[in-house]
Amino acid sequence: MKETMWIYVLILLLSETRSVESERRNELFSNGSDVYLTCSDKMWNETFYVIWKINFTNKASCEINFESHGQNTDTCNDGKSLRNTSSAQPYLHIPKFSENDVGIYTCEFAYRGGATNCKIYVKIIATPIMKAWLEHKDNTTVAVCRAENGNPAASISWSHAQNSPVQKLPGKNGLFTVESRLELPEGMDPKNLSCIIRYQNLTEILFPEFQKVKVGPHWLYALIPGIIIAFVAGVLFFVVMKRRQHQRSDTSFSKSPPIEDVEEVEPYASYVQRVNSIYN
């Protein structure tokens, strides 16, 4: 396939009407949606070859190629495919888009009279996790508002006249986390404060509160061995008691009842009959 591609490249170089276009763009898609990526507006009958090179964020890279003589390649094997629109325009189809499809999609599209090179930064739309709470710091009350792991990044503001700058924190898998910390003036009641988080068409209003004290992990670690020991001891006690009951039942059944020596006594009628026979 590489040999045929070089031939197409030479044809492009020798063509008088050759043109090479380059494009870079960002694309955002919702989780679970079907994605259609295009690299050129040319039709299949004008196409020499199409190469999609995909560098994923969470897994190894792969390629999907199409060549007009039928030598096609797919090293992705994850459902992606090259298709045509109703107007015979080629595109890359990604079914059920997820975080595993996030990455950089590079397309080389050669056609009669030119070529197009595209680099598309494909990301997922992720609604951030929104939180707000109060902290004590150096005899000062600090209100914290955070939007975790969203894409695109959310914006944060406060109902208080004095707004605090928003800080960007490291996120996961290319997502964004933003946080704002506001020191409350002395004597201000935190109940009158609210945090406003805006993301896309969503607006969330949160009221910061002091976090409840949670039992430290060391208490949990101290309880677990005791629970395990008590459970094992209970199982062993149950097994021992069951064995004892079986042993008692076995010994009781193995013992036969005592045999008593009983002298044979003839029936009274027989005895009377013998006596009478003597007198007779």
C-alpha atoms as a PDB file:
ATOM      1  CA  MET A   1       0.000   0.000   0.000  1.00  0.00           C
ATOM      2  CA  LYS A   2       2.902   2.353   0.724  1.00  0.00           C
ATOM      3  CA  GLU A   3       4.151   1.936  -2.871  1.00  0.00           C
ATOM      4  CA  THR A   4       0.808   2.980  -4.310  1.00  0.00           C
ATOM      5  CA  MET A   5       0.698   5.961  -1.969  1.00  0.00           C
ATOM      6  CA  TRP A   6       4.101   7.117  -3.212  1.00  0.00           C
ATOM      7  CA  ILE A   7       2.786   6.867  -6.749  1.00  0.00           C
ATOM      8  CA  TYR A   8      -0.158   9.086  -5.800  1.00  0.00           C
ATOM      9  CA  VAL A   9       2.227  11.566  -4.194  1.00  0.00           C
ATOM     10  CA  LEU A  10       4.260  11.763  -7.399  1.00  0.00           C
ATOM     11  CA  ILE A  11       1.065  12.295  -9.374  1.00  0.00           C
ATOM     12  CA  LEU A  12       0.151  15.171  -7.084  1.00  0.00           C
ATOM     13  CA  LEU A  13       3.585  16.741  -7.429  1.00  0.00           C
ATOM     14  CA  LEU A  14       3.470  16.546 -11.224  1.00  0.00           C
ATOM     15  CA  SER A  15      -0.085  17.836 -11.452  1.00  0.00           C
ATOM     16  CA  GLU A  16      -0.435  21.455 -12.531  1.00  0.00           C
ATOM     17  CA  THR A  17      -3.531  21.976 -10.402  1.00  0.00           C
ATOM     18  CA  ARG A  18      -2.139  20.415  -7.244  1.00  0.00           C
ATOM     19  CA  SER A  19      -2.947  22.031  -3.882  1.00  0.00           C
ATOM     20  CA  VAL A  20      -2.230  20.970  -0.311  1.00  0.00           C
ATOM     21  CA  GLU A  21      -4.511  22.191   2.445  1.00  0.00           C
ATOM     22  CA  SER A  22      -3.841  21.987   6.188  1.00  0.00           C
ATOM     23  CA  GLU A  23      -6.389  22.267   8.969  1.00  0.00           C
ATOM     24  CA  ARG A  24      -6.390  22.085  12.767  1.00  0.00           C
ATOM     25  CA  ARG A  25      -9.510  22.104  14.872  1.00  0.00           C
ATOM     26  CA  ASN A  26     -11.025  21.007  18.179  1.00  0.00           C
ATOM     27  CA  GLU A  27     -14.097  18.819  18.410  1.00  0.00           C
ATOM     28  CA  LEU A  28     -16.229  18.069  21.493  1.00  0.00           C
ATOM     29  CA  PHE A  29     -18.648  15.153  21.643  1.00  0.00           C
ATOM     30  CA  SER A  30     -21.042  13.821  24.255  1.00  0.00           C
ATOM     31  CA  ASN A  31     -20.560  10.452  25.875  1.00  0.00           C
ATOM     32  CA  GLY A  32     -22.474   7.710  24.028  1.00  0.00           C
ATOM     33  CA  SER A  33     -23.077   9.741  20.863  1.00  0.00           C
ATOM     34  CA  ASP A  34     -22.250   8.704  17.275  1.00  0.00           C
ATOM     35  CA  VAL A  35     -19.398  10.783  15.861  1.00  0.00           C
ATOM     36  CA  TYR A  36     -18.793  11.678  12.193  1.00  0.00           C
ATOM     37  CA  LEU A  37     -15.357  13.142  11.423  1.00  0.00           C
ATOM     38  CA  THR A  38     -14.679  14.638   7.991  1.00  0.00           C
ATOM     39  CA  CYS A  39     -11.341  15.659   6.531  1.00  0.00           C
ATOM     40  CA  SER A  40     -12.330  16.867   3.071  1.00  0.00           C
ATOM     41  CA  ASP A  41     -15.411  17.742   1.048  1.00  0.00           C
ATOM     42  CA  LYS A  42     -14.240  15.650  -1.927  1.00  0.00           C
ATOM     43  CA  MET A  43     -16.187  12.600  -3.133  1.00  0.00           C
ATOM     44  CA  TRP A  44     -15.176   8.937  -3.169  1.00  0.00           C
ATOM     45  CA  ASN A  45     -14.732   8.871  -6.954  1.00  0.00           C
ATOM     46  CA  GLU A  46     -12.156  11.681  -6.628  1.00  0.00           C
ATOM     47  CA  THR A  47     -10.225  10.009  -3.805  1.00  0.00           C
ATOM     48  CA  PHE A  48      -6.818   8.314  -4.150  1.00  0.00           C
ATOM     49  CA  TYR A  49      -6.414   7.358  -0.494  1.00  0.00           C
ATOM     50  CA  VAL A  50      -7.436   8.311   3.048  1.00  0.00           C
ATOM     51  CA  ILE A  51      -5.294   7.666   6.130  1.00  0.00           C
ATOM     52  CA  TRP A  52      -6.563   8.220   9.659  1.00  0.00           C
ATOM     53  CA  LYS A  53      -3.834   8.037  12.333  1.00  0.00           C
ATOM     54  CA  ILE A  54      -5.258   8.102  15.850  1.00  0.00           C
ATOM     55  CA  ASN A  55      -3.181   8.803  18.961  1.00  0.00           C
ATOM     56  CA  PHE A  56      -5.444   7.958  21.876  1.00  0.00           C
ATOM     57  CA  THR A  57      -5.082   9.433  25.341  1.00  0.00           C
ATOM     58  CA  ASN A  58      -5.825   6.202  27.225  1.00  0.00           C
ATOM     59  CA  LYS A  59      -4.594   3.431  24.899  1.00  0.00           C
ATOM     60  CA  ALA A  60      -2.235   2.551  22.056  1.00  0.00           C
ATOM     61  CA  SER A  61      -2.477   4.358  18.719  1.00  0.00           C
ATOM     62  CA  CYS A  62      -3.930   2.813  15.563  1.00  0.00           C
ATOM     63  CA  GLU A  63      -4.669   3.501  11.878  1.00  0.00           C
ATOM     64  CA  ILE A  64      -7.569   3.169   9.458  1.00  0.00           C
ATOM     65  CA  ASN A  65      -6.661   3.452   5.762  1.00  0.00           C
ATOM     66  CA  PHE A  66      -8.539   3.442   2.469  1.00  0.00           C
ATOM     67  CA  GLU A  67      -6.943   3.141  -0.957  1.00  0.00           C
ATOM     68  CA  SER A  68      -8.869   3.418  -4.223  1.00  0.00           C
ATOM     69  CA  HIS A  69      -7.605   0.044  -5.473  1.00  0.00           C
ATOM     70  CA  GLY A  70      -9.156  -1.724  -2.496  1.00  0.00           C
ATOM     71  CA  GLN A  71      -6.144  -2.179  -0.202  1.00  0.00           C
ATOM     72  CA  ASN A  72      -7.752  -1.164   3.076  1.00  0.00           C
ATOM     73  CA  THR A  73      -6.250  -1.417   6.576  1.00  0.00           C
ATOM     74  CA  ASP A  74      -7.778  -1.236  10.058  1.00  0.00           C
ATOM     75  CA  THR A  75      -5.544  -1.723  13.110  1.00  0.00           C
ATOM     76  CA  CYS A  76      -8.046  -0.164  15.522  1.00  0.00           C
ATOM     77  CA  ASN A  77     -10.600  -3.018  15.513  1.00  0.00           C
ATOM     78  CA  ASP A  78     -12.889  -1.142  17.898  1.00  0.00           C
ATOM     79  CA  GLY A  79     -15.882  -0.363  15.689  1.00  0.00           C
ATOM     80  CA  LYS A  80     -14.519   2.688  13.868  1.00  0.00           C
ATOM     81  CA  SER A  81     -15.013   2.630  10.098  1.00  0.00           C
ATOM     82  CA  LEU A  82     -14.764   4.733   6.939  1.00  0.00           C
ATOM     83  CA  ARG A  83     -18.159   5.456   5.398  1.00  0.00           C
ATOM     84  CA  ASN A  84     -19.935   7.623   2.826  1.00  0.00           C
ATOM     85  CA  THR A  85     -22.602  10.230   3.296  1.00  0.00           C
ATOM     86  CA  SER A  86     -25.659  10.242   1.060  1.00  0.00           C
ATOM     87  CA  SER A  87     -23.736  12.614  -1.228  1.00  0.00           C
ATOM     88  CA  ALA A  88     -20.750  10.179  -1.403  1.00  0.00           C
ATOM     89  CA  GLN A  89     -18.541  12.257   0.895  1.00  0.00           C
ATOM     90  CA  PRO A  90     -16.211  10.062   2.995  1.00  0.00           C
ATOM     91  CA  TYR A  91     -16.069  10.339   6.789  1.00  0.00           C
ATOM     92  CA  LEU A  92     -14.795   8.444   9.829  1.00  0.00           C
ATOM     93  CA  HIS A  93     -17.570   6.949  11.943  1.00  0.00           C
ATOM     94  CA  ILE A  94     -17.052   6.476  15.730  1.00  0.00           C
ATOM     95  CA  PRO A  95     -19.956   4.599  17.353  1.00  0.00           C
ATOM     96  CA  LYS A  96     -20.909   5.240  20.985  1.00  0.00           C
ATOM     97  CA  PHE A  97     -18.209   7.790  21.728  1.00  0.00           C
ATOM     98  CA  SER A  98     -16.504   7.413  25.127  1.00  0.00           C
ATOM     99  CA  GLU A  99     -13.375   8.473  27.034  1.00  0.00           C
ATOM    100  CA  ASN A 100     -11.475   5.679  25.254  1.00  0.00           C
ATOM    101  CA  ASP A 101     -11.953   7.536  21.935  1.00  0.00           C
ATOM    102  CA  VAL A 102     -10.409  10.800  23.148  1.00  0.00           C
ATOM    103  CA  GLY A 103      -7.176  11.722  21.357  1.00  0.00           C
ATOM    104  CA  ILE A 104      -5.590  13.376  18.338  1.00  0.00           C
ATOM    105  CA  TYR A 105      -6.977  12.301  14.959  1.00  0.00           C
ATOM    106  CA  THR A 106      -4.677  13.028  12.013  1.00  0.00           C
ATOM    107  CA  CYS A 107      -6.068  12.611   8.498  1.00  0.00           C
ATOM    108  CA  GLU A 108      -4.218  12.498   5.155  1.00  0.00           C
ATOM    109  CA  PHE A 109      -6.659  12.793   2.274  1.00  0.00           C
ATOM    110  CA  ALA A 110      -5.331  12.621  -1.301  1.00  0.00           C
ATOM    111  CA  TYR A 111      -7.628  13.333  -4.231  1.00  0.00           C
ATOM    112  CA  ARG A 112      -7.428  14.360  -7.850  1.00  0.00           C
ATOM    113  CA  GLY A 113      -5.775  17.727  -7.969  1.00  0.00           C
ATOM    114  CA  GLY A 114      -4.632  18.017  -4.369  1.00  0.00           C
ATOM    115  CA  ALA A 115      -4.479  16.765  -0.792  1.00  0.00           C
ATOM    116  CA  THR A 116      -5.728  17.725   2.657  1.00  0.00           C
ATOM    117  CA  ASN A 117      -4.010  17.228   5.996  1.00  0.00           C
ATOM    118  CA  CYS A 118      -6.172  17.530   9.102  1.00  0.00           C
ATOM    119  CA  LYS A 119      -5.306  17.363  12.786  1.00  0.00           C
ATOM    120  CA  ILE A 120      -8.401  17.111  14.971  1.00  0.00           C
ATOM    121  CA  TYR A 121      -8.225  17.266  18.761  1.00  0.00           C
ATOM    122  CA  VAL A 122     -11.163  15.128  19.832  1.00  0.00           C
ATOM    123  CA  LYS A 123     -12.408  15.529  23.411  1.00  0.00           C
ATOM    124  CA  ILE A 124     -15.410  14.449  25.413  1.00  0.00           C
ATOM    125  CA  ILE A 125     -18.010  16.750  26.941  1.00  0.00           C
ATOM    126  CA  ALA A 126     -17.942  16.031  30.663  1.00  0.00           C
ATOM    127  CA  THR A 127     -20.168  17.711  33.251  1.00  0.00           C
ATOM    128  CA  PRO A 128     -18.003  18.593  36.264  1.00  0.00           C
ATOM    129  CA  ILE A 129     -18.607  17.480  39.852  1.00  0.00           C
ATOM    130  CA  MET A 130     -19.548  20.627  41.775  1.00  0.00           C
ATOM    131  CA  LYS A 131     -18.718  21.180  45.446  1.00  0.00           C
ATOM    132  CA  ALA A 132     -18.619  24.008  47.971  1.00  0.00           C
ATOM    133  CA  TRP A 133     -17.520  24.086  51.627  1.00  0.00           C
ATOM    134  CA  LEU A 134     -16.080  26.270  54.413  1.00  0.00           C
ATOM    135  CA  GLU A 135     -12.644  26.020  56.042  1.00  0.00           C
ATOM    136  CA  HIS A 136     -10.836  27.639  58.976  1.00  0.00           C
ATOM    137  CA  LYS A 137      -7.449  29.147  58.149  1.00  0.00           C
ATOM    138  CA  ASP A 138      -5.440  31.349  60.559  1.00  0.00           C
ATOM    139  CA  ASN A 139      -8.530  32.501  62.460  1.00  0.00           C
ATOM    140  CA  THR A 140     -10.199  33.270  59.137  1.00  0.00           C
ATOM    141  CA  THR A 141     -13.154  31.579  57.459  1.00  0.00           C
ATOM    142  CA  VAL A 142     -12.455  30.602  53.848  1.00  0.00           C
ATOM    143  CA  ALA A 143     -15.188  29.593  51.397  1.00  0.00           C
ATOM    144  CA  VAL A 144     -14.109  27.089  48.724  1.00  0.00           C
ATOM    145  CA  CYS A 145     -15.966  26.397  45.478  1.00  0.00           C
ATOM    146  CA  ARG A 146     -14.777  23.722  43.044  1.00  0.00           C
ATOM    147  CA  ALA A 147     -15.832  22.136  39.737  1.00  0.00           C
ATOM    148  CA  GLU A 148     -13.934  18.863  39.201  1.00  0.00           C
ATOM    149  CA  ASN A 149     -13.119  17.003  35.976  1.00  0.00           C
ATOM    150  CA  GLY A 150     -15.210  18.894  33.470  1.00  0.00           C
ATOM    151  CA  ASN A 151     -14.756  19.686  29.822  1.00  0.00           C
ATOM    152  CA  PRO A 152     -14.804  22.447  28.825  1.00  0.00           C
ATOM    153  CA  ALA A 153     -13.748  24.179  32.028  1.00  0.00           C
ATOM    154  CA  ALA A 154     -16.486  25.692  34.183  1.00  0.00           C
ATOM    155  CA  SER A 155     -16.562  29.277  35.462  1.00  0.00           C
ATOM    156  CA  ILE A 156     -16.977  30.241  39.138  1.00  0.00           C
ATOM    157  CA  SER A 157     -18.251  33.424  40.765  1.00  0.00           C
ATOM    158  CA  TRP A 158     -19.558  34.479  44.202  1.00  0.00           C
ATOM    159  CA  SER A 159     -22.675  36.293  45.314  1.00  0.00           C
ATOM    160  CA  HIS A 160     -20.433  38.467  47.498  1.00  0.00           C
ATOM    161  CA  ALA A 161     -19.314  41.710  45.907  1.00  0.00           C
ATOM    162  CA  GLN A 162     -15.647  40.779  46.305  1.00  0.00           C
ATOM    163  CA  ASN A 163     -14.933  37.910  43.922  1.00  0.00           C
ATOM    164  CA  SER A 164     -11.854  35.708  44.174  1.00  0.00           C
ATOM    165  CA  PRO A 165      -9.643  34.568  41.274  1.00  0.00           C
ATOM    166  CA  VAL A 166     -10.274  31.105  39.821  1.00  0.00           C
ATOM    167  CA  GLN A 167      -7.384  28.648  39.903  1.00  0.00           C
ATOM    168  CA  LYS A 168      -6.980  25.742  37.479  1.00  0.00           C
ATOM    169  CA  LEU A 169      -5.976  22.443  39.074  1.00  0.00           C
ATOM    170  CA  PRO A 170      -4.727  19.228  37.423  1.00  0.00           C
ATOM    171  CA  GLY A 171      -7.591  17.122  36.042  1.00  0.00           C
ATOM    172  CA  LYS A 172      -7.913  13.508  34.877  1.00  0.00           C
ATOM    173  CA  ASN A 173      -7.756  12.316  31.252  1.00  0.00           C
ATOM    174  CA  GLY A 174      -7.462  15.808  29.829  1.00  0.00           C
ATOM    175  CA  LEU A 175     -10.401  17.157  31.856  1.00  0.00           C
ATOM    176  CA  PHE A 176     -10.362  20.442  33.780  1.00  0.00           C
ATOM    177  CA  THR A 177     -10.734  21.217  37.477  1.00  0.00           C
ATOM    178  CA  VAL A 178     -11.247  24.823  38.616  1.00  0.00           C
ATOM    179  CA  GLU A 179     -11.373  26.175  42.169  1.00  0.00           C
ATOM    180  CA  SER A 180     -12.012  29.513  43.819  1.00  0.00           C
ATOM    181  CA  ARG A 181     -11.183  30.378  47.458  1.00  0.00           C
ATOM    182  CA  LEU A 182     -12.768  33.424  49.107  1.00  0.00           C
ATOM    183  CA  GLU A 183     -11.770  34.777  52.514  1.00  0.00           C
ATOM    184  CA  LEU A 184     -14.843  36.018  54.346  1.00  0.00           C
ATOM    185  CA  PRO A 185     -14.684  39.444  56.015  1.00  0.00           C
ATOM    186  CA  GLU A 186     -14.792  39.407  59.793  1.00  0.00           C
ATOM    187  CA  GLY A 187     -18.321  39.260  61.126  1.00  0.00           C
ATOM    188  CA  MET A 188     -19.851  38.063  57.854  1.00  0.00           C
ATOM    189  CA  ASP A 189     -22.469  35.327  58.189  1.00  0.00           C
ATOM    190  CA  PRO A 190     -21.585  32.473  55.764  1.00  0.00           C
ATOM    191  CA  LYS A 191     -25.294  31.716  55.372  1.00  0.00           C
ATOM    192  CA  ASN A 192     -25.559  34.849  53.215  1.00  0.00           C
ATOM    193  CA  LEU A 193     -22.890  33.573  50.788  1.00  0.00           C
ATOM    194  CA  SER A 194     -23.435  31.478  47.679  1.00  0.00           C
ATOM    195  CA  CYS A 195     -21.211  30.150  44.910  1.00  0.00           C
ATOM    196  CA  ILE A 196     -22.308  30.225  41.263  1.00  0.00           C
ATOM    197  CA  ILE A 197     -20.864  27.615  38.863  1.00  0.00           C
ATOM    198  CA  ARG A 198     -21.624  27.968  35.152  1.00  0.00           C
ATOM    199  CA  TYR A 199     -20.999  25.144  32.702  1.00  0.00           C
ATOM    200  CA  GLN A 200     -22.352  25.197  29.150  1.00  0.00           C
ATOM    201  CA  ASN A 201     -26.095  25.895  29.579  1.00  0.00           C
ATOM    202  CA  LEU A 202     -26.065  24.764  33.218  1.00  0.00           C
ATOM    203  CA  THR A 203     -25.969  27.136  36.192  1.00  0.00           C
ATOM    204  CA  GLU A 204     -25.570  25.693  39.693  1.00  0.00           C
ATOM    205  CA  ILE A 205     -25.867  27.737  42.912  1.00  0.00           C
ATOM    206  CA  LEU A 206     -24.178  26.210  45.971  1.00  0.00           C
ATOM    207  CA  PHE A 207     -24.161  27.330  49.608  1.00  0.00           C
ATOM    208  CA  PRO A 208     -20.864  26.508  51.346  1.00  0.00           C
ATOM    209  CA  GLU A 209     -21.072  24.799  54.744  1.00  0.00           C
ATOM    210  CA  PHE A 210     -18.542  23.446  57.191  1.00  0.00           C
ATOM    211  CA  GLN A 211     -17.792  19.819  56.455  1.00  0.00           C
ATOM    212  CA  LYS A 212     -18.876  17.243  58.992  1.00  0.00           C
ATOM    213  CA  VAL A 213     -16.107  15.550  60.927  1.00  0.00           C
ATOM    214  CA  LYS A 214     -15.600  12.025  59.687  1.00  0.00           C
ATOM    215  CA  VAL A 215     -14.097   9.107  61.561  1.00  0.00           C
ATOM    216  CA  GLY A 216     -10.447   8.795  60.594  1.00  0.00           C
ATOM    217  CA  PRO A 217      -9.271   5.778  58.629  1.00  0.00           C
ATOM    218  CA  HIS A 218      -7.110   4.596  61.570  1.00  0.00           C
ATOM    219  CA  TRP A 219     -10.269   3.780  63.553  1.00  0.00           C
ATOM    220  CA  LEU A 220     -11.514   1.683  60.691  1.00  0.00           C
ATOM    221  CA  TYR A 221      -8.204  -0.125  60.381  1.00  0.00           C
ATOM    222  CA  ALA A 222      -8.265  -0.861  64.131  1.00  0.00           C
ATOM    223  CA  LEU A 223     -11.793  -2.274  64.001  1.00  0.00           C
ATOM    224  CA  ILE A 224     -11.339  -4.560  61.012  1.00  0.00           C
ATOM    225  CA  PRO A 225      -8.922  -7.074  62.666  1.00  0.00           C
ATOM    226  CA  GLY A 226     -11.176  -7.334  65.733  1.00  0.00           C
ATOM    227  CA  ILE A 227     -14.219  -8.011  63.571  1.00  0.00           C
ATOM    228  CA  ILE A 228     -12.346 -10.678  61.607  1.00  0.00           C
ATOM    229  CA  ILE A 229     -11.085 -12.392  64.800  1.00  0.00           C
ATOM    230  CA  ALA A 230     -14.566 -12.376  66.353  1.00  0.00           C
ATOM    231  CA  PHE A 231     -16.068 -13.806  63.167  1.00  0.00           C
ATOM    232  CA  VAL A 232     -13.470 -16.615  62.952  1.00  0.00           C
ATOM    233  CA  ALA A 233     -13.896 -17.436  66.655  1.00  0.00           C
ATOM    234  CA  GLY A 234     -17.657 -17.632  66.213  1.00  0.00           C
ATOM    235  CA  VAL A 235     -17.316 -19.988  63.248  1.00  0.00           C
ATOM    236  CA  LEU A 236     -14.891 -22.248  65.151  1.00  0.00           C
ATOM    237  CA  PHE A 237     -17.201 -22.344  68.206  1.00  0.00           C
ATOM    238  CA  PHE A 238     -20.145 -23.286  65.999  1.00  0.00           C
ATOM    239  CA  VAL A 239     -18.157 -26.089  64.316  1.00  0.00           C
ATOM    240  CA  VAL A 240     -16.953 -27.502  67.676  1.00  0.00           C
ATOM    241  CA  MET A 241     -20.466 -27.503  69.122  1.00  0.00           C
ATOM    242  CA  LYS A 242     -21.835 -29.254  66.054  1.00  0.00           C
ATOM    243  CA  ARG A 243     -19.177 -31.957  66.305  1.00  0.00           C
ATOM    244  CA  ARG A 244     -19.956 -32.558  69.970  1.00  0.00           C
ATOM    245  CA  GLN A 245     -23.634 -32.930  69.207  1.00  0.00           C
ATOM    246  CA  HIS A 246     -22.853 -35.462  66.482  1.00  0.00           C
ATOM    247  CA  GLN A 247     -20.572 -37.426  68.809  1.00  0.00           C
ATOM    248  CA  ARG A 248     -23.269 -37.593  71.511  1.00  0.00           C
ATOM    249  CA  SER A 249     -25.912 -38.745  69.064  1.00  0.00           C
ATOM    250  CA  ASP A 250     -23.579 -41.406  67.628  1.00  0.00           C
ATOM    251  CA  THR A 251     -22.745 -42.864  71.092  1.00  0.00           C
ATOM    252  CA  SER A 252     -26.387 -42.936  72.120  1.00  0.00           C
ATOM    253  CA  PHE A 253     -27.352 -44.896  69.022  1.00  0.00           C
ATOM    254  CA  SER A 254     -24.383 -47.288  69.267  1.00  0.00           C
ATOM    255  CA  LYS A 255     -25.317 -48.476  72.801  1.00  0.00           C
ATOM    256  CA  SER A 256     -27.889 -51.331  72.745  1.00  0.00           C
ATOM    257  CA  PRO A 257     -30.481 -51.539  75.552  1.00  0.00           C
ATOM    258  CA  PRO A 258     -29.565 -53.894  78.486  1.00  0.00           C
ATOM    259  CA  ILE A 259     -30.914 -57.488  78.282  1.00  0.00           C
ATOM    260  CA  GLU A 260     -32.666 -58.700  81.440  1.00  0.00           C
ATOM    261  CA  ASP A 261     -32.801 -62.432  82.432  1.00  0.00           C
ATOM    262  CA  VAL A 262     -36.434 -63.268  82.830  1.00  0.00           C
ATOM    263  CA  GLU A 263     -37.508 -66.726  84.010  1.00  0.00           C
ATOM    264  CA  GLU A 264     -40.020 -68.416  81.800  1.00  0.00           C
ATOM    265  CA  VAL A 265     -43.360 -68.645  83.489  1.00  0.00           C
ATOM    266  CA  GLU A 266     -45.978 -70.883  82.061  1.00  0.00           C
ATOM    267  CA  PRO A 267     -49.458 -69.577  81.658  1.00  0.00           C
ATOM    268  CA  TYR A 268     -51.807 -70.084  84.586  1.00  0.00           C
ATOM    269  CA  ALA A 269     -54.183 -72.231  82.596  1.00  0.00           C
ATOM    270  CA  SER A 270     -51.426 -74.676  81.790  1.00  0.00           C
ATOM    271  CA  TYR A 271     -50.346 -74.918  85.449  1.00  0.00           C
ATOM    272  CA  VAL A 272     -53.840 -75.542  86.663  1.00  0.00           C
ATOM    273  CA  GLN A 273     -54.324 -78.232  84.041  1.00  0.00           C
ATOM    274  CA  ARG A 274     -51.275 -80.175  85.187  1.00  0.00           C
ATOM    275  CA  VAL A 275     -52.285 -80.118  88.829  1.00  0.00           C
ATOM    276  CA  ASN A 276     -55.702 -81.396  88.041  1.00  0.00           C
ATOM    277  CA  SER A 277     -54.301 -84.246  86.004  1.00  0.00           C
ATOM    278  CA  ILE A 278     -52.424 -85.541  89.033  1.00  0.00           C
ATOM    279  CA  TYR A 279     -55.521 -85.632  91.181  1.00  0.00           C
ATOM    280  CA  ASN A 280     -57.313 -87.408  88.466  1.00  0.00           C
END
